[in-house]
C-alpha atoms as a PDB file:
ATOM      1  CA  MET A   1     111.980 111.594  84.944  1.00  0.00           C
ATOM      2  CA  ASP A   2     109.413 114.357  85.108  1.00  0.00           C
ATOM      3  CA  SER A   3     105.921 114.174  83.681  1.00  0.00           C
ATOM      4  CA  ILE A   4     104.856 115.953  80.490  1.00  0.00           C
ATOM      5  CA  GLY A   5     103.142 118.537  82.706  1.00  0.00           C
ATOM      6  CA  ASP A   6     104.984 119.992  85.679  1.00  0.00           C
ATOM      7  CA  GLU A   7     101.793 119.902  87.747  1.00  0.00           C
ATOM      8  CA  CYS A   8     101.587 116.128  87.172  1.00  0.00           C
ATOM      9  CA  THR A   9     105.165 115.348  88.244  1.00  0.00           C
ATOM     10  CA  PRO A  10     104.379 114.791  91.950  1.00  0.00           C
ATOM     11  CA  LEU A  11     101.622 112.322  91.013  1.00  0.00           C
ATOM     12  CA  LYS A  12     103.933 110.586  88.530  1.00  0.00           C
ATOM     13  CA  ARG A  13     106.611 110.175  91.202  1.00  0.00           C
ATOM     14  CA  GLU A  14     104.049 108.900  93.688  1.00  0.00           C
ATOM     15  CA  TYR A  15     102.733 106.401  91.134  1.00  0.00           C
ATOM     16  CA  ASP A  16     106.244 105.300  90.070  1.00  0.00           C
ATOM     17  CA  ALA A  17     107.208 104.663  93.699  1.00  0.00           C
ATOM     18  CA  CYS A  18     103.953 102.825  94.393  1.00  0.00           C
ATOM     19  CA  PHE A  19     104.255 100.684  91.274  1.00  0.00           C
ATOM     20  CA  THR A  20     107.894  99.777  91.923  1.00  0.00           C
ATOM     21  CA  LYS A  21     107.106  98.748  95.492  1.00  0.00           C
ATOM     22  CA  TRP A  22     103.987  96.784  94.468  1.00  0.00           C
ATOM     23  CA  TYR A  23     105.768  95.044  91.599  1.00  0.00           C
ATOM     24  CA  SER A  24     108.840  94.000  93.576  1.00  0.00           C
ATOM     25  CA  GLU A  25     107.155  93.143  96.879  1.00  0.00           C
ATOM     26  CA  LYS A  26     103.816  91.757  95.783  1.00  0.00           C
ATOM     27  CA  PHE A  27     103.470  90.992  92.067  1.00  0.00           C
ATOM     28  CA  LEU A  28     106.692  88.997  91.883  1.00  0.00           C
ATOM     29  CA  ASN A  29     105.455  87.006  94.882  1.00  0.00           C
ATOM     30  CA  GLY A  30     102.152  86.099  93.258  1.00  0.00           C
ATOM     31  CA  GLU A  31      99.951  88.900  94.629  1.00  0.00           C
ATOM     32  CA  ARG A  32      97.975  90.343  91.726  1.00  0.00           C
ATOM     33  CA  THR A  33      95.871  92.961  93.531  1.00  0.00           C
ATOM     34  CA  ASN A  34      97.176  96.349  92.399  1.00  0.00           C
ATOM     35  CA  ASP A  35      97.577  98.800  95.291  1.00  0.00           C
ATOM     36  CA  CYS A  36      98.299 101.735  92.982  1.00  0.00           C
ATOM     37  CA  THR A  37      94.986 102.087  91.159  1.00  0.00           C
ATOM     38  CA  GLU A  38      93.832 105.246  92.927  1.00  0.00           C
ATOM     39  CA  VAL A  39      97.063 107.193  92.449  1.00  0.00           C
ATOM     40  CA  PHE A  40      97.199 106.016  88.814  1.00  0.00           C
ATOM     41  CA  LYS A  41      93.682 107.397  88.207  1.00  0.00           C
ATOM     42  CA  LYS A  42      94.699 110.756  89.699  1.00  0.00           C
ATOM     43  CA  TYR A  43      97.834 110.852  87.543  1.00  0.00           C
ATOM     44  CA  GLN A  44      95.857 109.863  84.450  1.00  0.00           C
ATOM     45  CA  THR A  45      93.327 112.653  85.110  1.00  0.00           C
ATOM     46  CA  CYS A  46      96.152 115.160  85.417  1.00  0.00           C
ATOM     47  CA  LEU A  47      97.745 113.930  82.180  1.00  0.00           C
ATOM     48  CA  ARG A  48      94.467 114.171  80.279  1.00  0.00           C
ATOM     49  CA  LYS A  49      94.084 117.770  81.406  1.00  0.00           C
ATOM     50  CA  VAL A  50      97.623 118.687  80.311  1.00  0.00           C
ATOM     51  CA  LEU A  51      97.308 116.872  76.978  1.00  0.00           C
ATOM     52  CA  GLY A  52      94.022 118.661  76.315  1.00  0.00           C
ATOM     53  CA  GLU A  53      95.509 122.050  77.157  1.00  0.00           C
ATOM     54  CA  ARG A  54      98.362 121.392  74.741  1.00  0.00           C
ATOM     55  CA  GLY A  55      96.044 120.253  71.958  1.00  0.00           C
ATOM     56  CA  LEU A  56      97.426 116.717  71.915  1.00  0.00           C
ATOM     57  CA  THR A  57      94.254 114.809  72.777  1.00  0.00           C
ATOM     58  CA  LYS A  58      92.902 114.816  69.221  1.00  0.00           C
ATOM     59  CA  MET A  59      96.222 113.680  67.783  1.00  0.00           C
ATOM     60  CA  ILE A  60      96.368 110.766  70.252  1.00  0.00           C
ATOM     61  CA  ASP A  61      92.732 109.835  69.620  1.00  0.00           C
ATOM     62  CA  ASP A  62      93.333 109.945  65.857  1.00  0.00           C
ATOM     63  CA  ALA A  63      96.358 107.637  66.210  1.00  0.00           C
ATOM     64  CA  ARG A  64      94.563 105.000  68.291  1.00  0.00           C
ATOM     65  CA  PRO A  65      92.508 103.423  65.465  1.00  0.00           C
ATOM     66  CA  SER A  66      95.668 102.969  63.383  1.00  0.00           C
ATOM     67  CA  ILE A  67      97.548 101.372  66.240  1.00  0.00           C
ATOM     68  CA  GLY A  68      94.578  99.229  67.210  1.00  0.00           C
ATOM     69  CA  SER A  69      94.073  97.993  63.677  1.00  0.00           C
ATOM     70  CA  VAL A  70      97.712  96.903  63.462  1.00  0.00           C
ATOM     71  CA  PHE A  71      97.333  94.811  66.597  1.00  0.00           C
ATOM     72  CA  ALA A  72      93.971  93.497  65.440  1.00  0.00           C
ATOM     73  CA  ASN A  73      95.478  92.340  62.152  1.00  0.00           C
ATOM     74  CA  ASP A  74      98.383  90.688  63.950  1.00  0.00           C
ATOM     75  CA  SER A  75      95.916  88.918  66.174  1.00  0.00           C
ATOM     76  CA  VAL A  76      93.886  87.648  63.210  1.00  0.00           C
ATOM     77  CA  ASP A  77      97.050  86.567  61.369  1.00  0.00           C
ATOM     78  CA  ASN A  78      98.287  84.671  64.426  1.00  0.00           C
ATOM     79  CA  GLU A  79      94.946  82.898  64.825  1.00  0.00           C
ATOM     80  CA  GLN A  80      94.942  81.958  61.144  1.00  0.00           C
ATOM     81  CA  LYS A  81      98.499  80.613  61.430  1.00  0.00           C
ATOM     82  CA  LYS A  82      97.529  78.517  64.471  1.00  0.00           C
ATOM     83  CA  SER A  83      94.473  77.211  62.616  1.00  0.00           C
ATOM     84  CA  ASN A  84      96.520  76.310  59.529  1.00  0.00           C
ATOM     85  CA  THR A  85      99.225  74.502  61.503  1.00  0.00           C
ATOM     86  CA  SER A  86      96.725  72.403  63.426  1.00  0.00           C
ATOM     87  CA  LYS A  87      95.180  70.983  60.203  1.00  0.00           C
END
């Protein structure tokens, strides 16, 4: 699958290949050090540029508080449920 921006596709493929190799050869064998951090940062930088050029950055930033608050509420609810069941 290609990236949202054609100029980011080579970095996406490089990251996908790196991640798949790391996950199957290292992570599943207990190694938690991620070898793909640098290529991920390059890919992320490319994506941010493309998203900004397409005017999508604001929309994503605006959506984050809503998504975060949903998870925050779930987290609080789960903690309250645990607290109530332990009484």
